[in-house]
Amino acid sequence: MGKLIVLEGTDGTGKSTQFGLLSQQLETQGTPFRRLRFPRYDQPSSALIRLYLEGAFGTDPSAVNAYAASTFYAVDRCASYLQDWRADYEAGTLILCDRYTTSNAYHQGGKVDAAERETFFQWLYDLEFSRMALPKPDLVLLLDMPLSLSVELMRRREADTHTHADIHERDLTYLARCRETARQAAAFYGWQVIDCARDGRLRTVEDIHREIAAAVAPLIEL
């Protein structure tokens, strides 16, 4: 089997930038790998995700409960695995994921009361890894950033790209719960947390990348 490395982060943490930098480094070093991004918005298997994020089921994220919404995303990942990358993974290829099953833990787990989250985490693990038989990650790196800084970066990105926030990105209370839940999930599942800010100030993109590369190095030759 191959190795599966996942880069996670709540909205506005610079995850896409870091995923791009890590991918570029792997390419430069000549390391064979497959690059995956979830959800796959351009595929039929993401239809319910798109309806959900566009507000078709309600503009409050909690209009669809954590268990139902999690299945929307899980089905898309299962379809991707069965249709696209199972053979590569089973042949020993390194798989690098921008989000994975781990995203459900905090994006949907934030809808669950804190005292019940570990029950949700256990259910999610069983759903995606046991019932759907998706591969378990060898390493999950969670980018963490104070909410005030991540919101500032999100709004700047929207202005630069002329895009509009989805129902998750517009709800600051929801985003705060997601950050809290992400750290709880990291402790529960054993993810590695990458702090993107120190003493209230953002670290440089290059500094964060160096920490990510060092975390990945034991699994591959960088």
N, C-alpha and C. Protein backbone atom coordinates (compact mmCIF):
# COMPACT_ATOMS: atom_id res chain seq x y z
N MET A 1 0.83 -1.19 0.00
CA MET A 1 0.00 0.00 0.00
C MET A 1 0.87 1.26 0.00
N GLY A 2 0.31 2.34 -0.54
CA GLY A 2 1.03 3.60 -0.53
C GLY A 2 0.91 4.32 0.80
N LYS A 3 1.50 5.48 0.86
CA LYS A 3 1.37 6.35 2.02
C LYS A 3 0.32 7.41 1.71
N LEU A 4 -0.45 7.79 2.72
CA LEU A 4 -1.50 8.79 2.56
C LEU A 4 -1.25 9.93 3.53
N ILE A 5 -0.99 11.11 3.00
CA ILE A 5 -0.71 12.30 3.80
C ILE A 5 -1.81 13.32 3.54
N VAL A 6 -2.37 13.87 4.60
CA VAL A 6 -3.50 14.80 4.49
C VAL A 6 -3.14 16.15 5.09
N LEU A 7 -3.45 17.20 4.35
CA LEU A 7 -3.28 18.56 4.87
C LEU A 7 -4.67 19.12 5.14
N GLU A 8 -4.90 19.48 6.40
CA GLU A 8 -6.19 20.01 6.83
C GLU A 8 -6.02 21.43 7.38
N GLY A 9 -7.13 22.13 7.47
CA GLY A 9 -7.11 23.46 8.06
C GLY A 9 -8.47 24.10 7.94
N THR A 10 -8.89 24.79 8.98
CA THR A 10 -10.16 25.50 8.90
C THR A 10 -10.04 26.61 7.86
N ASP A 11 -11.18 27.15 7.45
CA ASP A 11 -11.21 28.15 6.39
C ASP A 11 -10.31 29.33 6.71
N GLY A 12 -9.50 29.74 5.72
CA GLY A 12 -8.67 30.92 5.88
C GLY A 12 -7.32 30.69 6.51
N THR A 13 -6.90 29.42 6.64
CA THR A 13 -5.60 29.13 7.27
C THR A 13 -4.46 29.04 6.27
N GLY A 14 -4.75 29.22 4.99
CA GLY A 14 -3.69 29.14 3.99
C GLY A 14 -3.37 27.73 3.56
N LYS A 15 -4.32 26.82 3.75
CA LYS A 15 -4.10 25.41 3.44
C LYS A 15 -3.78 25.19 1.97
N SER A 16 -4.53 25.84 1.09
CA SER A 16 -4.30 25.64 -0.35
C SER A 16 -2.90 26.09 -0.76
N THR A 17 -2.45 27.19 -0.16
CA THR A 17 -1.09 27.68 -0.45
C THR A 17 -0.05 26.66 -0.01
N GLN A 18 -0.21 26.12 1.20
CA GLN A 18 0.75 25.15 1.71
C GLN A 18 0.69 23.84 0.96
N PHE A 19 -0.49 23.45 0.53
CA PHE A 19 -0.64 22.23 -0.27
C PHE A 19 0.13 22.40 -1.59
N GLY A 20 0.01 23.59 -2.19
CA GLY A 20 0.72 23.86 -3.43
C GLY A 20 2.23 23.84 -3.25
N LEU A 21 2.71 24.41 -2.14
CA LEU A 21 4.15 24.43 -1.89
C LEU A 21 4.69 23.02 -1.64
N LEU A 22 3.96 22.21 -0.88
CA LEU A 22 4.41 20.85 -0.63
C LEU A 22 4.40 20.04 -1.93
N SER A 23 3.37 20.22 -2.74
CA SER A 23 3.30 19.53 -4.03
C SER A 23 4.48 19.92 -4.91
N GLN A 24 4.78 21.20 -4.94
CA GLN A 24 5.90 21.70 -5.74
C GLN A 24 7.22 21.10 -5.27
N GLN A 25 7.40 20.99 -3.97
CA GLN A 25 8.64 20.42 -3.45
C GLN A 25 8.77 18.95 -3.83
N LEU A 26 7.68 18.22 -3.73
CA LEU A 26 7.71 16.81 -4.12
C LEU A 26 8.07 16.66 -5.59
N GLU A 27 7.50 17.52 -6.43
CA GLU A 27 7.80 17.48 -7.86
C GLU A 27 9.27 17.80 -8.12
N THR A 28 9.78 18.83 -7.45
CA THR A 28 11.17 19.23 -7.62
C THR A 28 12.13 18.12 -7.20
N GLN A 29 11.77 17.40 -6.13
CA GLN A 29 12.62 16.32 -5.63
C GLN A 29 12.45 15.03 -6.43
N GLY A 30 11.48 15.03 -7.35
CA GLY A 30 11.26 13.84 -8.16
C GLY A 30 10.56 12.71 -7.44
N THR A 31 9.79 13.06 -6.40
CA THR A 31 9.04 12.05 -5.65
C THR A 31 7.72 11.76 -6.34
N PRO A 32 7.47 10.53 -6.80
CA PRO A 32 6.20 10.20 -7.45
C PRO A 32 5.04 10.29 -6.44
N PHE A 33 3.95 10.95 -6.83
CA PHE A 33 2.80 11.06 -5.93
C PHE A 33 1.55 11.41 -6.73
N ARG A 34 0.40 11.15 -6.11
CA ARG A 34 -0.89 11.59 -6.65
C ARG A 34 -1.40 12.71 -5.77
N ARG A 35 -1.95 13.75 -6.41
CA ARG A 35 -2.48 14.91 -5.70
C ARG A 35 -3.99 14.86 -5.79
N LEU A 36 -4.66 14.94 -4.63
CA LEU A 36 -6.12 14.89 -4.58
C LEU A 36 -6.65 16.09 -3.80
N ARG A 37 -7.80 16.60 -4.22
CA ARG A 37 -8.48 17.67 -3.49
C ARG A 37 -9.94 17.27 -3.29
N PHE A 38 -10.40 17.48 -2.08
CA PHE A 38 -11.81 17.20 -1.77
C PHE A 38 -12.45 18.44 -1.17
N PRO A 39 -13.77 18.64 -1.43
CA PRO A 39 -14.65 17.86 -2.29
C PRO A 39 -14.31 18.04 -3.77
N ARG A 40 -14.83 17.13 -4.60
CA ARG A 40 -14.64 17.21 -6.05
C ARG A 40 -15.88 17.91 -6.64
N TYR A 41 -15.87 19.21 -6.61
CA TYR A 41 -17.05 19.99 -6.98
C TYR A 41 -17.49 19.79 -8.43
N ASP A 42 -16.58 19.32 -9.28
CA ASP A 42 -16.92 19.15 -10.69
C ASP A 42 -17.45 17.76 -11.02
N GLN A 43 -17.66 16.93 -9.99
CA GLN A 43 -18.11 15.56 -10.23
C GLN A 43 -19.55 15.36 -9.74
N PRO A 44 -20.29 14.45 -10.39
CA PRO A 44 -21.67 14.19 -9.97
C PRO A 44 -21.80 13.76 -8.51
N SER A 45 -20.78 13.10 -7.98
CA SER A 45 -20.85 12.61 -6.60
C SER A 45 -20.88 13.72 -5.57
N SER A 46 -20.60 14.96 -5.99
CA SER A 46 -20.62 16.09 -5.05
C SER A 46 -21.91 16.90 -5.13
N ALA A 47 -22.92 16.39 -5.83
CA ALA A 47 -24.15 17.16 -6.05
C ALA A 47 -24.79 17.62 -4.74
N LEU A 48 -24.89 16.74 -3.76
CA LEU A 48 -25.52 17.11 -2.49
C LEU A 48 -24.66 18.10 -1.71
N ILE A 49 -23.34 18.00 -1.84
CA ILE A 49 -22.44 18.96 -1.19
C ILE A 49 -22.70 20.35 -1.75
N ARG A 50 -22.79 20.45 -3.07
CA ARG A 50 -22.99 21.76 -3.70
C ARG A 50 -24.32 22.38 -3.29
N LEU A 51 -25.37 21.56 -3.26
CA LEU A 51 -26.68 22.06 -2.82
C LEU A 51 -26.61 22.55 -1.37
N TYR A 52 -25.94 21.78 -0.54
CA TYR A 52 -25.80 22.12 0.87
C TYR A 52 -25.05 23.44 1.06
N LEU A 53 -23.91 23.59 0.41
CA LEU A 53 -23.10 24.79 0.58
C LEU A 53 -23.74 26.03 -0.05
N GLU A 54 -24.55 25.82 -1.07
CA GLU A 54 -25.25 26.94 -1.70
C GLU A 54 -26.47 27.40 -0.91
N GLY A 55 -26.83 26.62 0.13
CA GLY A 55 -27.95 27.00 0.97
C GLY A 55 -29.29 26.42 0.55
N ALA A 56 -29.27 25.42 -0.32
CA ALA A 56 -30.53 24.84 -0.80
C ALA A 56 -31.31 24.15 0.32
N PHE A 57 -30.62 23.71 1.36
CA PHE A 57 -31.28 23.03 2.48
C PHE A 57 -31.43 23.96 3.69
N GLY A 58 -31.08 25.23 3.51
CA GLY A 58 -31.13 26.20 4.60
C GLY A 58 -29.81 26.94 4.67
N THR A 59 -29.88 28.24 4.99
CA THR A 59 -28.66 29.06 5.01
C THR A 59 -27.86 28.93 6.30
N ASP A 60 -28.44 28.32 7.32
CA ASP A 60 -27.71 28.02 8.55
C ASP A 60 -27.06 26.65 8.37
N PRO A 61 -25.72 26.52 8.56
CA PRO A 61 -25.07 25.22 8.39
C PRO A 61 -25.72 24.11 9.20
N SER A 62 -26.30 24.46 10.36
CA SER A 62 -26.91 23.45 11.22
C SER A 62 -28.26 22.97 10.72
N ALA A 63 -28.73 23.54 9.60
CA ALA A 63 -29.99 23.07 9.03
C ALA A 63 -29.88 21.61 8.60
N VAL A 64 -28.67 21.18 8.28
CA VAL A 64 -28.41 19.76 7.99
C VAL A 64 -27.50 19.25 9.10
N ASN A 65 -27.94 18.25 9.84
CA ASN A 65 -27.18 17.84 11.02
C ASN A 65 -25.84 17.21 10.63
N ALA A 66 -24.97 17.06 11.62
CA ALA A 66 -23.59 16.62 11.38
C ALA A 66 -23.54 15.25 10.72
N TYR A 67 -24.43 14.36 11.08
CA TYR A 67 -24.40 13.00 10.54
C TYR A 67 -24.85 12.97 9.08
N ALA A 68 -25.92 13.70 8.77
CA ALA A 68 -26.40 13.73 7.39
C ALA A 68 -25.40 14.41 6.47
N ALA A 69 -24.90 15.59 6.90
CA ALA A 69 -23.96 16.33 6.06
C ALA A 69 -22.68 15.54 5.85
N SER A 70 -22.23 14.83 6.87
CA SER A 70 -21.01 14.03 6.73
C SER A 70 -21.14 12.99 5.63
N THR A 71 -22.33 12.42 5.49
CA THR A 71 -22.50 11.40 4.45
C THR A 71 -22.40 12.01 3.06
N PHE A 72 -22.80 13.28 2.89
CA PHE A 72 -22.65 13.93 1.58
C PHE A 72 -21.19 13.89 1.14
N TYR A 73 -20.31 14.29 2.06
CA TYR A 73 -18.88 14.36 1.75
C TYR A 73 -18.26 12.97 1.65
N ALA A 74 -18.71 12.05 2.51
CA ALA A 74 -18.15 10.70 2.51
C ALA A 74 -18.43 9.98 1.19
N VAL A 75 -19.62 10.17 0.65
CA VAL A 75 -19.97 9.53 -0.62
C VAL A 75 -19.07 10.03 -1.74
N ASP A 76 -18.78 11.32 -1.76
CA ASP A 76 -17.90 11.87 -2.79
C ASP A 76 -16.50 11.26 -2.69
N ARG A 77 -15.98 11.13 -1.48
CA ARG A 77 -14.66 10.54 -1.31
C ARG A 77 -14.64 9.06 -1.69
N CYS A 78 -15.70 8.34 -1.33
CA CYS A 78 -15.78 6.93 -1.67
C CYS A 78 -15.80 6.75 -3.19
N ALA A 79 -16.59 7.57 -3.87
CA ALA A 79 -16.64 7.50 -5.34
C ALA A 79 -15.28 7.79 -5.95
N SER A 80 -14.60 8.79 -5.40
CA SER A 80 -13.27 9.14 -5.90
C SER A 80 -12.30 7.96 -5.75
N TYR A 81 -12.31 7.35 -4.58
CA TYR A 81 -11.41 6.23 -4.33
C TYR A 81 -11.69 5.07 -5.29
N LEU A 82 -12.96 4.71 -5.42
CA LEU A 82 -13.31 3.56 -6.25
C LEU A 82 -13.08 3.83 -7.74
N GLN A 83 -13.31 5.06 -8.19
CA GLN A 83 -13.19 5.38 -9.60
C GLN A 83 -11.79 5.78 -10.04
N ASP A 84 -11.03 6.36 -9.11
CA ASP A 84 -9.87 7.13 -9.57
C ASP A 84 -8.52 6.69 -9.02
N TRP A 85 -8.38 6.48 -7.72
CA TRP A 85 -7.03 6.33 -7.18
C TRP A 85 -6.76 5.07 -6.36
N ARG A 86 -7.73 4.17 -6.30
CA ARG A 86 -7.51 2.95 -5.52
C ARG A 86 -6.34 2.13 -6.07
N ALA A 87 -6.26 1.98 -7.40
CA ALA A 87 -5.19 1.17 -7.99
C ALA A 87 -3.82 1.76 -7.68
N ASP A 88 -3.70 3.08 -7.78
CA ASP A 88 -2.41 3.72 -7.48
C ASP A 88 -2.03 3.52 -6.02
N TYR A 89 -2.99 3.71 -5.14
CA TYR A 89 -2.70 3.55 -3.71
C TYR A 89 -2.28 2.12 -3.40
N GLU A 90 -3.01 1.16 -3.95
CA GLU A 90 -2.69 -0.24 -3.68
C GLU A 90 -1.35 -0.65 -4.30
N ALA A 91 -0.92 0.09 -5.34
CA ALA A 91 0.37 -0.19 -5.97
C ALA A 91 1.54 0.47 -5.25
N GLY A 92 1.25 1.23 -4.19
CA GLY A 92 2.32 1.82 -3.39
C GLY A 92 2.59 3.29 -3.64
N THR A 93 1.72 3.95 -4.40
CA THR A 93 1.91 5.37 -4.71
C THR A 93 1.63 6.24 -3.48
N LEU A 94 2.43 7.29 -3.31
CA LEU A 94 2.18 8.29 -2.29
C LEU A 94 0.96 9.12 -2.70
N ILE A 95 0.02 9.29 -1.79
CA ILE A 95 -1.18 10.09 -2.04
C ILE A 95 -1.14 11.31 -1.13
N LEU A 96 -1.25 12.49 -1.74
CA LEU A 96 -1.27 13.75 -0.99
C LEU A 96 -2.65 14.38 -1.15
N CYS A 97 -3.34 14.59 -0.02
CA CYS A 97 -4.72 15.07 -0.06
C CYS A 97 -4.86 16.46 0.54
N ASP A 98 -5.54 17.32 -0.19
CA ASP A 98 -6.02 18.60 0.32
C ASP A 98 -7.43 18.35 0.82
N ARG A 99 -7.56 18.13 2.12
CA ARG A 99 -8.77 17.67 2.80
C ARG A 99 -9.00 16.19 2.53
N TYR A 100 -9.68 15.56 3.49
CA TYR A 100 -9.98 14.12 3.36
C TYR A 100 -11.13 13.83 4.32
N THR A 101 -11.27 12.59 4.72
CA THR A 101 -12.33 12.24 5.67
C THR A 101 -12.22 13.07 6.94
N THR A 102 -11.01 13.48 7.25
CA THR A 102 -10.72 14.27 8.45
C THR A 102 -11.46 15.60 8.49
N SER A 103 -11.82 16.15 7.33
CA SER A 103 -12.56 17.42 7.31
C SER A 103 -13.92 17.31 7.96
N ASN A 104 -14.57 16.15 7.79
CA ASN A 104 -15.87 15.97 8.43
C ASN A 104 -15.78 16.11 9.94
N ALA A 105 -14.65 15.69 10.50
CA ALA A 105 -14.53 15.68 11.96
C ALA A 105 -14.74 17.05 12.55
N TYR A 106 -14.19 18.09 11.92
CA TYR A 106 -14.33 19.41 12.52
C TYR A 106 -15.37 20.28 11.82
N HIS A 107 -15.54 20.16 10.50
CA HIS A 107 -16.57 20.97 9.85
C HIS A 107 -17.97 20.54 10.28
N GLN A 108 -18.17 19.25 10.44
CA GLN A 108 -19.48 18.77 10.89
C GLN A 108 -19.51 18.55 12.39
N GLY A 109 -18.38 18.15 12.96
CA GLY A 109 -18.33 17.93 14.41
C GLY A 109 -18.61 19.19 15.21
N GLY A 110 -18.37 20.36 14.60
CA GLY A 110 -18.65 21.62 15.28
C GLY A 110 -20.13 21.83 15.53
N LYS A 111 -20.98 21.07 14.85
CA LYS A 111 -22.43 21.17 15.07
C LYS A 111 -22.87 20.36 16.29
N VAL A 112 -21.99 19.52 16.78
CA VAL A 112 -22.32 18.61 17.87
C VAL A 112 -21.86 19.22 19.20
N ASP A 113 -22.64 19.05 20.25
CA ASP A 113 -22.24 19.54 21.57
C ASP A 113 -20.89 18.95 21.96
N ALA A 114 -20.08 19.74 22.64
CA ALA A 114 -18.72 19.33 22.98
C ALA A 114 -18.68 17.99 23.70
N ALA A 115 -19.64 17.76 24.59
CA ALA A 115 -19.63 16.53 25.38
C ALA A 115 -19.93 15.30 24.52
N GLU A 116 -20.53 15.51 23.34
CA GLU A 116 -20.91 14.39 22.48
C GLU A 116 -19.98 14.22 21.28
N ARG A 117 -18.97 15.06 21.18
CA ARG A 117 -18.14 15.04 19.97
C ARG A 117 -17.33 13.76 19.83
N GLU A 118 -16.84 13.21 20.92
CA GLU A 118 -16.06 11.99 20.78
C GLU A 118 -16.92 10.85 20.25
N THR A 119 -18.18 10.83 20.61
CA THR A 119 -19.11 9.84 20.05
C THR A 119 -19.23 10.05 18.55
N PHE A 120 -19.34 11.32 18.13
CA PHE A 120 -19.39 11.62 16.70
C PHE A 120 -18.09 11.21 16.01
N PHE A 121 -16.94 11.51 16.62
CA PHE A 121 -15.65 11.15 16.03
C PHE A 121 -15.56 9.63 15.82
N GLN A 122 -16.04 8.87 16.79
CA GLN A 122 -16.00 7.41 16.68
C GLN A 122 -16.92 6.94 15.55
N TRP A 123 -18.13 7.53 15.48
CA TRP A 123 -19.07 7.18 14.40
C TRP A 123 -18.46 7.47 13.04
N LEU A 124 -17.83 8.63 12.91
CA LEU A 124 -17.25 9.05 11.63
C LEU A 124 -16.12 8.10 11.21
N TYR A 125 -15.28 7.74 12.16
CA TYR A 125 -14.18 6.81 11.89
C TYR A 125 -14.73 5.49 11.37
N ASP A 126 -15.78 5.00 12.00
CA ASP A 126 -16.39 3.74 11.59
C ASP A 126 -17.02 3.87 10.21
N LEU A 127 -17.71 4.98 9.95
CA LEU A 127 -18.40 5.18 8.67
C LEU A 127 -17.42 5.15 7.51
N GLU A 128 -16.38 5.99 7.58
CA GLU A 128 -15.52 6.17 6.41
C GLU A 128 -14.41 5.12 6.30
N PHE A 129 -13.83 4.73 7.41
CA PHE A 129 -12.70 3.81 7.34
C PHE A 129 -13.11 2.35 7.46
N SER A 130 -14.16 2.06 8.23
CA SER A 130 -14.60 0.67 8.39
C SER A 130 -15.68 0.31 7.39
N ARG A 131 -16.78 1.06 7.38
CA ARG A 131 -17.91 0.71 6.52
C ARG A 131 -17.62 0.98 5.05
N MET A 132 -17.06 2.16 4.73
CA MET A 132 -16.76 2.51 3.34
C MET A 132 -15.38 2.02 2.90
N ALA A 133 -14.58 1.57 3.86
CA ALA A 133 -13.26 0.98 3.59
C ALA A 133 -12.31 1.94 2.88
N LEU A 134 -12.40 3.23 3.21
CA LEU A 134 -11.44 4.20 2.68
C LEU A 134 -10.11 4.04 3.42
N PRO A 135 -8.98 4.31 2.75
CA PRO A 135 -7.68 4.18 3.41
C PRO A 135 -7.53 5.16 4.57
N LYS A 136 -6.86 4.71 5.61
CA LYS A 136 -6.59 5.57 6.76
C LYS A 136 -5.32 6.38 6.49
N PRO A 137 -5.31 7.66 6.85
CA PRO A 137 -4.11 8.48 6.63
C PRO A 137 -2.94 8.00 7.49
N ASP A 138 -1.74 8.13 6.93
CA ASP A 138 -0.52 7.88 7.69
C ASP A 138 -0.11 9.11 8.48
N LEU A 139 -0.50 10.28 7.98
CA LEU A 139 -0.17 11.54 8.65
C LEU A 139 -1.23 12.58 8.30
N VAL A 140 -1.75 13.25 9.33
CA VAL A 140 -2.67 14.38 9.13
C VAL A 140 -2.03 15.60 9.77
N LEU A 141 -1.86 16.65 8.97
CA LEU A 141 -1.32 17.92 9.46
C LEU A 141 -2.45 18.94 9.48
N LEU A 142 -2.72 19.49 10.65
CA LEU A 142 -3.79 20.46 10.82
C LEU A 142 -3.21 21.86 10.96
N LEU A 143 -3.49 22.73 10.00
CA LEU A 143 -3.09 24.13 10.11
C LEU A 143 -4.07 24.84 11.03
N ASP A 144 -3.55 25.49 12.06
CA ASP A 144 -4.39 26.18 13.04
C ASP A 144 -4.04 27.65 13.08
N MET A 145 -5.08 28.50 13.16
CA MET A 145 -4.87 29.95 13.17
C MET A 145 -5.99 30.61 13.97
N PRO A 146 -5.69 31.66 14.75
CA PRO A 146 -6.75 32.39 15.44
C PRO A 146 -7.81 32.87 14.46
N LEU A 147 -9.07 32.83 14.91
CA LEU A 147 -10.18 33.14 14.02
C LEU A 147 -10.07 34.53 13.40
N SER A 148 -9.66 35.52 14.18
CA SER A 148 -9.59 36.89 13.66
C SER A 148 -8.66 36.98 12.46
N LEU A 149 -7.56 36.27 12.51
CA LEU A 149 -6.60 36.30 11.40
C LEU A 149 -7.11 35.51 10.21
N SER A 150 -7.73 34.37 10.44
CA SER A 150 -8.22 33.57 9.32
C SER A 150 -9.36 34.27 8.60
N VAL A 151 -10.24 34.95 9.34
CA VAL A 151 -11.33 35.69 8.70
C VAL A 151 -10.78 36.84 7.85
N GLU A 152 -9.76 37.52 8.38
CA GLU A 152 -9.13 38.60 7.62
C GLU A 152 -8.57 38.08 6.29
N LEU A 153 -7.93 36.92 6.33
CA LEU A 153 -7.37 36.34 5.11
C LEU A 153 -8.46 35.88 4.15
N MET A 154 -9.55 35.34 4.69
CA MET A 154 -10.66 34.92 3.83
C MET A 154 -11.28 36.09 3.10
N ARG A 155 -11.53 37.18 3.83
CA ARG A 155 -12.15 38.34 3.19
C ARG A 155 -11.23 38.96 2.14
N ARG A 156 -9.94 38.94 2.41
CA ARG A 156 -8.98 39.45 1.43
C ARG A 156 -8.98 38.57 0.17
N ARG A 157 -9.06 37.27 0.38
CA ARG A 157 -9.09 36.34 -0.76
C ARG A 157 -10.35 36.56 -1.60
N GLU A 158 -11.49 36.74 -0.93
CA GLU A 158 -12.74 36.97 -1.66
C GLU A 158 -12.66 38.23 -2.50
N ALA A 159 -12.06 39.29 -1.95
CA ALA A 159 -11.92 40.55 -2.69
C ALA A 159 -10.99 40.38 -3.88
N ASP A 160 -9.91 39.63 -3.67
CA ASP A 160 -8.92 39.46 -4.75
C ASP A 160 -9.45 38.58 -5.87
N THR A 161 -10.26 37.58 -5.52
CA THR A 161 -10.72 36.61 -6.52
C THR A 161 -12.15 36.87 -6.98
N HIS A 162 -12.81 37.88 -6.37
CA HIS A 162 -14.21 38.21 -6.70
C HIS A 162 -15.12 37.00 -6.51
N THR A 163 -14.89 36.26 -5.43
CA THR A 163 -15.72 35.12 -5.09
C THR A 163 -16.60 35.46 -3.90
N HIS A 164 -17.59 34.60 -3.65
CA HIS A 164 -18.52 34.82 -2.55
C HIS A 164 -18.40 33.69 -1.53
N ALA A 165 -18.50 34.04 -0.27
CA ALA A 165 -18.40 33.05 0.80
C ALA A 165 -19.60 32.11 0.77
N ASP A 166 -19.34 30.81 1.08
CA ASP A 166 -20.44 29.86 1.19
C ASP A 166 -21.05 29.96 2.59
N ILE A 167 -22.04 29.12 2.89
CA ILE A 167 -22.75 29.24 4.17
C ILE A 167 -21.83 28.97 5.35
N HIS A 168 -20.79 28.19 5.17
CA HIS A 168 -19.82 27.98 6.24
C HIS A 168 -19.01 29.24 6.49
N GLU A 169 -18.47 29.81 5.43
CA GLU A 169 -17.54 30.93 5.53
C GLU A 169 -18.20 32.22 6.01
N ARG A 170 -19.53 32.31 5.86
CA ARG A 170 -20.25 33.52 6.29
C ARG A 170 -20.59 33.50 7.77
N ASP A 171 -20.57 32.34 8.39
CA ASP A 171 -21.06 32.18 9.76
C ASP A 171 -19.86 32.14 10.73
N LEU A 172 -19.60 33.27 11.39
CA LEU A 172 -18.43 33.36 12.27
C LEU A 172 -18.55 32.47 13.50
N THR A 173 -19.77 32.32 14.02
CA THR A 173 -19.96 31.42 15.16
C THR A 173 -19.63 29.99 14.76
N TYR A 174 -20.07 29.61 13.59
CA TYR A 174 -19.77 28.28 13.07
C TYR A 174 -18.26 28.10 12.91
N LEU A 175 -17.58 29.10 12.35
CA LEU A 175 -16.13 29.01 12.14
C LEU A 175 -15.39 28.88 13.47
N ALA A 176 -15.86 29.60 14.49
CA ALA A 176 -15.22 29.50 15.81
C ALA A 176 -15.38 28.10 16.38
N ARG A 177 -16.56 27.51 16.22
CA ARG A 177 -16.78 26.14 16.70
C ARG A 177 -15.91 25.15 15.94
N CYS A 178 -15.75 25.40 14.63
CA CYS A 178 -14.91 24.51 13.82
C CYS A 178 -13.47 24.50 14.32
N ARG A 179 -12.95 25.68 14.65
CA ARG A 179 -11.57 25.73 15.13
C ARG A 179 -11.44 24.97 16.46
N GLU A 180 -12.38 25.21 17.36
CA GLU A 180 -12.37 24.50 18.64
C GLU A 180 -12.45 22.99 18.42
N THR A 181 -13.33 22.58 17.52
CA THR A 181 -13.54 21.16 17.25
C THR A 181 -12.33 20.55 16.57
N ALA A 182 -11.68 21.31 15.70
CA ALA A 182 -10.50 20.79 15.00
C ALA A 182 -9.40 20.43 15.99
N ARG A 183 -9.19 21.28 16.99
CA ARG A 183 -8.16 20.99 17.98
C ARG A 183 -8.56 19.78 18.84
N GLN A 184 -9.84 19.67 19.12
CA GLN A 184 -10.32 18.50 19.86
C GLN A 184 -10.15 17.23 19.03
N ALA A 185 -10.46 17.31 17.75
CA ALA A 185 -10.30 16.16 16.86
C ALA A 185 -8.83 15.77 16.73
N ALA A 186 -7.96 16.77 16.66
CA ALA A 186 -6.52 16.50 16.55
C ALA A 186 -6.03 15.69 17.75
N ALA A 187 -6.50 16.07 18.93
CA ALA A 187 -6.12 15.34 20.14
C ALA A 187 -6.70 13.92 20.14
N PHE A 188 -7.92 13.79 19.68
CA PHE A 188 -8.60 12.49 19.68
C PHE A 188 -7.97 11.52 18.69
N TYR A 189 -7.71 12.00 17.47
CA TYR A 189 -7.21 11.14 16.40
C TYR A 189 -5.68 11.07 16.32
N GLY A 190 -4.99 11.99 16.99
CA GLY A 190 -3.54 12.00 16.92
C GLY A 190 -2.97 12.75 15.73
N TRP A 191 -3.67 13.80 15.28
CA TRP A 191 -3.14 14.62 14.20
C TRP A 191 -2.01 15.51 14.73
N GLN A 192 -1.18 16.00 13.82
CA GLN A 192 -0.13 16.96 14.19
C GLN A 192 -0.62 18.37 13.88
N VAL A 193 -0.56 19.25 14.87
CA VAL A 193 -1.04 20.62 14.71
C VAL A 193 0.13 21.53 14.30
N ILE A 194 -0.10 22.31 13.25
CA ILE A 194 0.86 23.30 12.79
C ILE A 194 0.30 24.68 13.13
N ASP A 195 0.91 25.38 14.07
CA ASP A 195 0.43 26.71 14.46
C ASP A 195 0.89 27.74 13.41
N CYS A 196 -0.07 28.41 12.79
CA CYS A 196 0.23 29.37 11.72
C CYS A 196 0.48 30.78 12.24
N ALA A 197 0.31 30.98 13.52
CA ALA A 197 0.56 32.29 14.14
C ALA A 197 1.28 32.09 15.45
N ARG A 198 2.11 33.07 15.80
CA ARG A 198 2.80 33.07 17.09
C ARG A 198 2.71 34.46 17.69
N ASP A 199 2.33 34.52 18.95
CA ASP A 199 2.19 35.80 19.65
C ASP A 199 1.25 36.74 18.90
N GLY A 200 0.17 36.16 18.33
CA GLY A 200 -0.83 36.97 17.64
C GLY A 200 -0.45 37.45 16.26
N ARG A 201 0.68 37.01 15.75
CA ARG A 201 1.14 37.44 14.43
C ARG A 201 1.32 36.23 13.52
N LEU A 202 0.97 36.42 12.25
CA LEU A 202 1.12 35.34 11.29
C LEU A 202 2.58 34.97 11.08
N ARG A 203 2.84 33.68 11.00
CA ARG A 203 4.16 33.23 10.56
C ARG A 203 4.25 33.39 9.05
N THR A 204 5.44 33.45 8.52
CA THR A 204 5.58 33.57 7.07
C THR A 204 5.18 32.26 6.40
N VAL A 205 4.77 32.35 5.16
CA VAL A 205 4.40 31.16 4.38
C VAL A 205 5.57 30.19 4.33
N GLU A 206 6.78 30.72 4.16
CA GLU A 206 7.98 29.88 4.05
C GLU A 206 8.28 29.15 5.36
N ASP A 207 8.07 29.84 6.48
CA ASP A 207 8.34 29.24 7.78
C ASP A 207 7.37 28.08 8.04
N ILE A 208 6.12 28.29 7.72
CA ILE A 208 5.12 27.23 7.90
C ILE A 208 5.45 26.05 6.99
N HIS A 209 5.84 26.33 5.76
CA HIS A 209 6.18 25.26 4.82
C HIS A 209 7.34 24.41 5.34
N ARG A 210 8.34 25.05 5.92
CA ARG A 210 9.48 24.30 6.44
C ARG A 210 9.04 23.32 7.53
N GLU A 211 8.11 23.75 8.39
CA GLU A 211 7.63 22.85 9.44
C GLU A 211 6.85 21.68 8.84
N ILE A 212 6.04 21.97 7.83
CA ILE A 212 5.28 20.91 7.16
C ILE A 212 6.22 19.92 6.50
N ALA A 213 7.22 20.43 5.78
CA ALA A 213 8.18 19.55 5.10
C ALA A 213 8.91 18.67 6.09
N ALA A 214 9.26 19.21 7.25
CA ALA A 214 9.95 18.42 8.27
C ALA A 214 9.04 17.32 8.82
N ALA A 215 7.74 17.61 8.94
CA ALA A 215 6.81 16.60 9.45
C ALA A 215 6.60 15.46 8.45
N VAL A 216 6.64 15.81 7.17
CA VAL A 216 6.41 14.83 6.10
C VAL A 216 7.64 13.97 5.85
N ALA A 217 8.81 14.54 6.07
CA ALA A 217 10.08 13.88 5.73
C ALA A 217 10.23 12.44 6.22
N PRO A 218 9.81 12.09 7.45
CA PRO A 218 9.98 10.70 7.88
C PRO A 218 9.22 9.69 7.03
N LEU A 219 8.18 10.12 6.32
CA LEU A 219 7.39 9.21 5.51
C LEU A 219 7.89 9.08 4.08
N ILE A 220 8.58 10.12 3.60
CA ILE A 220 9.07 10.12 2.22
C ILE A 220 10.45 10.76 2.19
N GLU A 221 11.12 10.60 1.09
CA GLU A 221 12.42 11.22 0.93
C GLU A 221 12.27 12.55 0.23
N LEU A 222 12.41 13.64 1.00
CA LEU A 222 12.30 14.98 0.43
C LEU A 222 13.70 15.49 0.08
